[in-house]
Amino acid sequence: MPDGKTAKDASHSEAQLAHVAMLYYREGLTQSEIAQRIGLSRATIVNYLRLARDLGIVDIRIRGESFTASPLSRKLTERYGLTDCYIAHNDVEPQRDEGVLERVGQLAASAMRDLLEPRDKLGIAWGETIQHVANTFPNGPVPGLTCYQLIGSMDFNALFAPEACTIEIARRTLAPCRTLHAPAVVSSVDLASQLREEPIIARQLNELADLTKALFSVGSLSHPLTLVGSGMATQDELDTYVAMGAKGVFWGHFIDKDGNWLDGPLTGRLVGASLDQLRAIAMRMLVACGKSKREAIEAALHGGYATHLVTDEDTASWLLR
């Protein structure tokens, strides 16, 4: 509680926020109409609505299936053999990559929450895209849910880190969290093999074989800063994969345009879920968007890595070209 605020003050403040939220979301009044009714400025009403969301007084839920009913979604589902495809509309001009990513992340969060079932075992990847999903994941318990980290840790922005993404979704769903206590990539095949044989790590890796759902993105080689900055790969290693025809990457596993795994510099050095383990999971949600990721998304779909896709409208149209 802020300094100088009593419990009565805080309760009154939350009651006011709830009242404003009800007028806006349930009764359909505009912000200006609310301001006039209760004698506050419109700017104050805007701030109240934001605070109501931040404090959890308002929990905005959009039914994910509402975004799978468009002809574009149905065509993508048929073209790539998907179970479902969720498409966020590109309604802002000029289009900002960050704005698109935010909308796609929110849509993926709502869709995954709708799909989660009691006693699910959810594997969670990493990166900016998955961070957006985690940070907008609806609050509320899922009975028996357990969240698992798909890949070891990296030396990178803590917000993008695998453990941070996994912990945040676990926190919001009140689920146990199984973090992977090992680096994502190590310097040699022998060291990786030794780590994977350590009892604690071996047990955690074996648990990944029992996952029922996965939430992940695919990386593009056209913007290598994340891969290099995280310590996942050096620029020379990336150049080698590019020369081999790499179009996308899942936490260190590189694929070509047809989704085939590429045997390259990182082979045997990774600690985390394999692509075979990913494919074995019954429900696999790929969340990716933007022009720079189009070829990577297409490669992932050709490889059969996803059962569900969440993307933006422009990317969806490109995938059907």
Protein backbone atom coordinates (compact mmCIF):
# COMPACT_ATOMS: atom_id res chain seq x y z
CA MET A 1 0.00 0.00 0.00
CA PRO A 2 1.44 3.45 -0.88
CA ASP A 3 2.72 5.59 2.01
CA GLY A 4 -0.03 7.68 3.58
CA LYS A 5 -2.84 5.42 2.31
CA THR A 6 -5.11 3.73 4.81
CA ALA A 7 -6.97 0.49 4.20
CA LYS A 8 -10.16 2.51 3.93
CA ASP A 9 -8.56 4.78 1.28
CA ALA A 10 -7.37 1.78 -0.74
CA SER A 11 -10.79 0.11 -0.54
CA HIS A 12 -12.50 3.33 -1.64
CA SER A 13 -10.02 3.68 -4.54
CA GLU A 14 -10.66 0.13 -5.75
CA ALA A 15 -14.40 0.65 -5.44
CA GLN A 16 -14.10 3.76 -7.60
CA LEU A 17 -12.03 1.90 -10.17
CA ALA A 18 -14.56 -0.92 -10.25
CA HIS A 19 -17.42 1.57 -10.69
CA VAL A 20 -15.69 3.26 -13.63
CA ALA A 21 -14.85 -0.10 -15.18
CA MET A 22 -18.47 -1.25 -14.94
CA LEU A 23 -19.74 1.93 -16.59
CA TYR A 24 -17.26 1.51 -19.43
CA TYR A 25 -17.22 -2.25 -20.06
CA ARG A 26 -20.72 -3.32 -19.01
CA GLU A 27 -22.93 -0.27 -19.62
CA GLY A 28 -21.03 0.86 -22.71
CA LEU A 29 -20.56 4.51 -21.76
CA THR A 30 -17.74 6.41 -23.45
CA GLN A 31 -14.86 7.76 -21.42
CA SER A 32 -16.19 11.30 -21.89
CA GLU A 33 -19.67 10.29 -20.72
CA ILE A 34 -18.23 8.66 -17.61
CA ALA A 35 -16.13 11.74 -16.88
CA GLN A 36 -19.19 13.96 -17.13
CA ARG A 37 -21.33 11.65 -14.98
CA ILE A 38 -18.93 11.40 -12.03
CA GLY A 39 -17.29 14.81 -12.34
CA LEU A 40 -13.75 13.82 -13.29
CA SER A 41 -11.58 14.60 -16.32
CA ARG A 42 -11.45 12.22 -19.27
CA ALA A 43 -7.71 11.75 -18.64
CA THR A 44 -8.51 10.55 -15.12
CA ILE A 45 -11.04 8.06 -16.50
CA VAL A 46 -8.44 6.72 -18.93
CA ASN A 47 -6.02 6.30 -16.03
CA TYR A 48 -8.68 4.59 -13.88
CA LEU A 49 -9.41 2.06 -16.62
CA ARG A 50 -5.70 1.31 -17.00
CA LEU A 51 -5.31 0.87 -13.24
CA ALA A 52 -8.34 -1.41 -13.12
CA ARG A 53 -6.66 -3.71 -15.65
CA ASP A 54 -3.26 -3.52 -13.95
CA LEU A 55 -4.71 -4.34 -10.52
CA GLY A 56 -6.76 -7.24 -11.83
CA ILE A 57 -10.10 -5.55 -11.08
CA VAL A 58 -10.87 -6.01 -14.76
CA ASP A 59 -9.83 -9.24 -16.48
CA ILE A 60 -10.40 -8.90 -20.22
CA ARG A 61 -10.97 -12.24 -21.94
CA ILE A 62 -11.45 -12.74 -25.65
CA ARG A 63 -12.65 -16.16 -26.75
CA GLY A 64 -9.84 -17.55 -28.88
CA GLU A 65 -12.21 -19.47 -31.15
CA SER A 66 -13.64 -16.14 -32.34
CA PHE A 67 -10.41 -15.65 -34.29
CA THR A 68 -10.56 -19.01 -36.07
CA ALA A 69 -13.80 -18.44 -37.96
CA SER A 70 -12.49 -16.30 -40.84
CA PRO A 71 -12.01 -17.67 -44.38
CA LEU A 72 -8.30 -16.84 -44.06
CA SER A 73 -8.01 -19.00 -40.95
CA ARG A 74 -9.86 -21.90 -42.56
CA LYS A 75 -7.67 -21.76 -45.67
CA LEU A 76 -4.48 -21.80 -43.60
CA THR A 77 -5.77 -24.72 -41.55
CA GLU A 78 -6.47 -26.69 -44.72
CA ARG A 79 -3.24 -25.72 -46.48
CA TYR A 80 -0.91 -26.72 -43.65
CA GLY A 81 -2.90 -29.47 -41.93
CA LEU A 82 -3.42 -27.47 -38.74
CA THR A 83 -6.04 -28.08 -36.08
CA ASP A 84 -6.71 -24.35 -35.71
CA CYS A 85 -5.30 -21.01 -36.79
CA TYR A 86 -5.81 -17.76 -34.88
CA ILE A 87 -5.33 -14.53 -36.82
CA ALA A 88 -4.85 -11.08 -35.29
CA HIS A 89 -6.05 -8.35 -37.62
CA ASN A 90 -3.62 -5.71 -38.89
CA ASP A 91 -5.77 -2.67 -38.15
CA VAL A 92 -3.11 -0.03 -37.58
CA GLU A 93 -1.50 2.00 -40.37
CA PRO A 94 1.35 2.42 -40.77
CA GLN A 95 1.94 -1.00 -39.26
CA ARG A 96 4.35 -1.23 -36.32
CA ASP A 97 6.05 -4.54 -35.65
CA GLU A 98 5.76 -3.96 -31.90
CA GLY A 99 2.03 -3.30 -32.15
CA VAL A 100 1.50 -6.45 -34.20
CA LEU A 101 3.53 -8.51 -31.73
CA GLU A 102 1.47 -7.20 -28.81
CA ARG A 103 -1.82 -8.13 -30.45
CA VAL A 104 -0.59 -11.57 -31.52
CA GLY A 105 0.79 -12.21 -28.03
CA GLN A 106 -2.52 -11.25 -26.40
CA LEU A 107 -4.45 -13.44 -28.81
CA ALA A 108 -2.14 -16.40 -28.19
CA ALA A 109 -2.50 -15.96 -24.43
CA SER A 110 -6.30 -16.02 -24.65
CA ALA A 111 -6.32 -18.94 -27.07
CA MET A 112 -3.94 -21.07 -25.00
CA ARG A 113 -5.86 -20.32 -21.80
CA ASP A 114 -9.07 -21.50 -23.49
CA LEU A 115 -7.37 -24.71 -24.63
CA LEU A 116 -5.79 -25.65 -21.30
CA GLU A 117 -7.43 -28.54 -19.50
CA PRO A 118 -7.13 -29.90 -15.95
CA ARG A 119 -3.88 -31.81 -15.34
CA ASP A 120 -2.24 -30.52 -18.52
CA LYS A 121 1.54 -30.45 -18.72
CA LEU A 122 2.51 -27.31 -20.64
CA GLY A 123 5.97 -26.88 -22.16
CA ILE A 124 7.01 -23.24 -22.63
CA ALA A 125 9.81 -21.87 -24.82
CA TRP A 126 11.45 -18.46 -24.70
CA GLY A 127 12.00 -15.16 -26.51
CA GLU A 128 10.29 -11.82 -27.00
CA THR A 129 7.19 -13.35 -28.57
CA ILE A 130 6.64 -15.81 -25.73
CA GLN A 131 7.35 -13.02 -23.25
CA HIS A 132 4.40 -11.08 -24.70
CA VAL A 133 2.21 -14.17 -24.35
CA ALA A 134 3.31 -14.71 -20.75
CA ASN A 135 2.81 -11.08 -19.75
CA THR A 136 -0.79 -11.04 -21.02
CA PHE A 137 -1.77 -14.55 -19.94
CA PRO A 138 -5.16 -14.46 -18.18
CA ASN A 139 -5.02 -14.79 -14.41
CA GLY A 140 -6.76 -17.75 -12.85
CA PRO A 141 -5.98 -21.29 -11.72
CA VAL A 142 -6.04 -24.32 -14.00
CA PRO A 143 -6.59 -27.41 -11.83
CA GLY A 144 -3.62 -29.75 -11.94
CA LEU A 145 -1.67 -27.74 -14.52
CA THR A 146 2.15 -27.95 -14.42
CA CYS A 147 4.41 -25.64 -16.46
CA TYR A 148 7.73 -26.89 -17.85
CA GLN A 149 10.72 -25.04 -19.28
CA LEU A 150 11.55 -26.46 -22.73
CA ILE A 151 15.16 -25.28 -22.95
CA GLY A 152 17.94 -24.50 -20.49
CA SER A 153 18.97 -21.01 -19.40
CA MET A 154 20.84 -18.35 -21.35
CA ASP A 155 22.92 -15.25 -20.68
CA PHE A 156 20.36 -12.75 -21.92
CA ASN A 157 17.65 -10.23 -21.01
CA ALA A 158 15.94 -11.79 -18.00
CA LEU A 159 12.49 -10.94 -19.38
CA PHE A 160 13.10 -13.03 -22.50
CA ALA A 161 14.78 -15.89 -20.65
CA PRO A 162 13.19 -19.34 -20.73
CA GLU A 163 12.78 -19.52 -16.98
CA ALA A 164 11.17 -16.05 -16.84
CA CYS A 165 8.55 -16.92 -19.47
CA THR A 166 7.74 -20.23 -17.78
CA ILE A 167 7.60 -18.77 -14.28
CA GLU A 168 5.28 -15.95 -15.35
CA ILE A 169 2.68 -18.26 -16.89
CA ALA A 170 2.93 -20.56 -13.88
CA ARG A 171 2.42 -17.58 -11.57
CA ARG A 172 -0.66 -16.40 -13.43
CA THR A 173 -2.25 -19.85 -13.48
CA LEU A 174 -1.16 -20.77 -9.92
CA ALA A 175 0.61 -23.81 -11.35
CA PRO A 176 3.76 -25.62 -10.20
CA CYS A 177 6.77 -24.63 -12.30
CA ARG A 178 9.47 -27.04 -13.44
CA THR A 179 12.48 -24.97 -14.48
CA LEU A 180 15.42 -26.63 -16.21
CA HIS A 181 18.57 -26.21 -14.13
CA ALA A 182 21.16 -26.24 -16.90
CA PRO A 183 22.56 -23.97 -19.63
CA ALA A 184 20.72 -24.12 -22.96
CA VAL A 185 23.95 -24.66 -24.88
CA VAL A 186 27.45 -25.64 -23.75
CA SER A 187 30.88 -25.58 -25.33
CA SER A 188 31.22 -29.25 -26.23
CA VAL A 189 29.24 -32.39 -27.02
CA ASP A 190 30.97 -34.26 -24.17
CA LEU A 191 29.98 -31.63 -21.60
CA ALA A 192 26.38 -31.60 -22.82
CA SER A 193 26.26 -35.38 -22.59
CA GLN A 194 27.61 -35.30 -19.04
CA LEU A 195 25.05 -32.68 -17.99
CA ARG A 196 22.18 -34.65 -19.50
CA GLU A 197 23.29 -37.67 -17.45
CA GLU A 198 23.22 -35.78 -14.15
CA PRO A 199 20.30 -37.28 -12.15
CA ILE A 200 18.43 -34.00 -11.56
CA ILE A 201 18.78 -32.82 -15.15
CA ALA A 202 18.06 -36.28 -16.58
CA ARG A 203 14.85 -36.44 -14.56
CA GLN A 204 13.77 -33.00 -15.78
CA LEU A 205 14.51 -33.87 -19.40
CA ASN A 206 12.62 -37.15 -19.11
CA GLU A 207 9.57 -35.26 -17.86
CA LEU A 208 9.42 -33.41 -21.18
CA ALA A 209 8.35 -36.66 -22.83
CA ASP A 210 5.05 -36.45 -20.94
CA LEU A 211 4.02 -32.95 -22.05
CA THR A 212 0.47 -32.56 -23.35
CA LYS A 213 0.77 -29.05 -24.78
CA ALA A 214 3.57 -26.75 -25.98
CA LEU A 215 3.82 -22.98 -26.43
CA PHE A 216 6.69 -21.79 -28.61
CA SER A 217 7.85 -19.48 -31.37
CA VAL A 218 10.29 -19.80 -34.25
CA GLY A 219 13.32 -17.58 -34.75
CA SER A 220 14.39 -15.89 -37.96
CA LEU A 221 17.96 -15.82 -39.21
CA SER A 222 17.43 -12.42 -40.81
CA HIS A 223 17.68 -10.81 -37.34
CA PRO A 224 20.37 -12.77 -35.46
CA LEU A 225 20.82 -10.36 -32.54
CA THR A 226 18.70 -12.43 -30.17
CA LEU A 227 20.54 -15.66 -30.95
CA VAL A 228 24.00 -14.10 -30.70
CA GLY A 229 23.15 -11.86 -27.74
CA SER A 230 21.75 -14.77 -25.75
CA GLY A 231 24.88 -16.84 -26.25
CA MET A 232 22.89 -19.48 -28.10
CA ALA A 233 25.21 -19.26 -31.12
CA THR A 234 28.13 -17.23 -32.42
CA GLN A 235 27.92 -15.25 -35.63
CA ASP A 236 30.25 -17.75 -37.33
CA GLU A 237 27.95 -20.61 -36.30
CA LEU A 238 24.93 -18.74 -37.65
CA ASP A 239 26.76 -18.09 -40.92
CA THR A 240 27.39 -21.82 -41.20
CA TYR A 241 23.69 -22.59 -40.76
CA VAL A 242 22.72 -19.92 -43.29
CA ALA A 243 25.11 -21.48 -45.81
CA MET A 244 23.38 -24.82 -45.14
CA GLY A 245 20.02 -23.29 -46.07
CA ALA A 246 18.60 -22.58 -42.62
CA LYS A 247 15.35 -20.60 -42.56
CA GLY A 248 14.26 -20.92 -38.94
CA VAL A 249 15.37 -21.99 -35.49
CA PHE A 250 13.69 -23.48 -32.41
CA TRP A 251 15.86 -22.89 -29.29
CA GLY A 252 19.04 -23.89 -31.14
CA HIS A 253 17.52 -26.47 -33.50
CA PHE A 254 17.85 -25.10 -37.04
CA ILE A 255 15.56 -26.10 -39.92
CA ASP A 256 15.61 -25.60 -43.69
CA LYS A 257 12.76 -24.30 -45.87
CA ASP A 258 11.01 -27.67 -45.76
CA GLY A 259 11.28 -27.94 -41.99
CA ASN A 260 14.07 -30.51 -42.03
CA TRP A 261 16.47 -30.45 -39.10
CA LEU A 262 20.01 -29.33 -39.98
CA ASP A 263 23.00 -31.15 -38.52
CA GLY A 264 25.36 -28.26 -37.75
CA PRO A 265 27.66 -26.64 -35.18
CA LEU A 266 25.21 -26.90 -32.26
CA THR A 267 24.41 -30.58 -32.75
CA GLY A 268 24.80 -32.45 -29.48
CA ARG A 269 25.55 -29.30 -27.48
CA LEU A 270 21.99 -28.34 -26.49
CA VAL A 271 20.25 -29.13 -23.21
CA GLY A 272 16.49 -29.14 -23.60
CA ALA A 273 13.65 -30.60 -25.61
CA SER A 274 14.54 -32.16 -28.96
CA LEU A 275 12.50 -31.61 -32.12
CA ASP A 276 11.33 -35.22 -31.92
CA GLN A 277 10.03 -34.51 -28.42
CA LEU A 278 8.28 -31.39 -29.71
CA ARG A 279 6.56 -33.28 -32.51
CA ALA A 280 5.41 -35.95 -30.05
CA ILE A 281 3.38 -33.42 -28.02
CA ALA A 282 -0.31 -33.67 -28.88
CA MET A 283 -1.06 -29.93 -29.02
CA ARG A 284 1.66 -27.54 -30.20
CA MET A 285 0.95 -23.80 -30.48
CA LEU A 286 3.33 -21.82 -32.70
CA VAL A 287 3.16 -18.07 -32.05
CA ALA A 288 5.00 -15.93 -34.60
CA CYS A 289 4.33 -12.87 -36.72
CA GLY A 290 5.89 -10.12 -38.80
CA LYS A 291 7.56 -9.87 -42.17
CA SER A 292 11.00 -10.91 -40.90
CA LYS A 293 9.66 -14.25 -39.63
CA ARG A 294 7.57 -15.28 -42.63
CA GLU A 295 10.04 -17.76 -44.11
CA ALA A 296 10.73 -19.22 -40.68
CA ILE A 297 7.01 -19.70 -40.01
CA GLU A 298 6.51 -21.33 -43.39
CA ALA A 299 9.42 -23.71 -42.75
CA ALA A 300 8.00 -24.63 -39.34
CA LEU A 301 4.59 -25.37 -40.84
CA HIS A 302 6.08 -27.46 -43.64
CA GLY A 303 7.94 -29.45 -41.00
CA GLY A 304 4.75 -30.27 -39.10
CA TYR A 305 5.95 -28.76 -35.84
CA ALA A 306 2.67 -27.00 -35.03
CA THR A 307 -0.92 -28.09 -34.60
CA HIS A 308 -2.08 -24.54 -33.85
CA LEU A 309 -0.80 -21.26 -35.32
CA VAL A 310 -1.23 -17.73 -33.98
CA THR A 311 -0.09 -15.01 -36.38
CA ASP A 312 -1.08 -11.69 -37.95
CA GLU A 313 -3.30 -11.08 -40.95
CA ASP A 314 -0.56 -9.96 -43.33
CA THR A 315 1.59 -12.99 -42.54
CA ALA A 316 -1.41 -15.29 -42.94
CA SER A 317 -2.07 -13.85 -46.40
CA TRP A 318 1.59 -14.29 -47.34
CA LEU A 319 1.52 -17.94 -46.25
CA LEU A 320 -1.35 -18.51 -48.71
CA ARG A 321 0.32 -16.72 -51.63
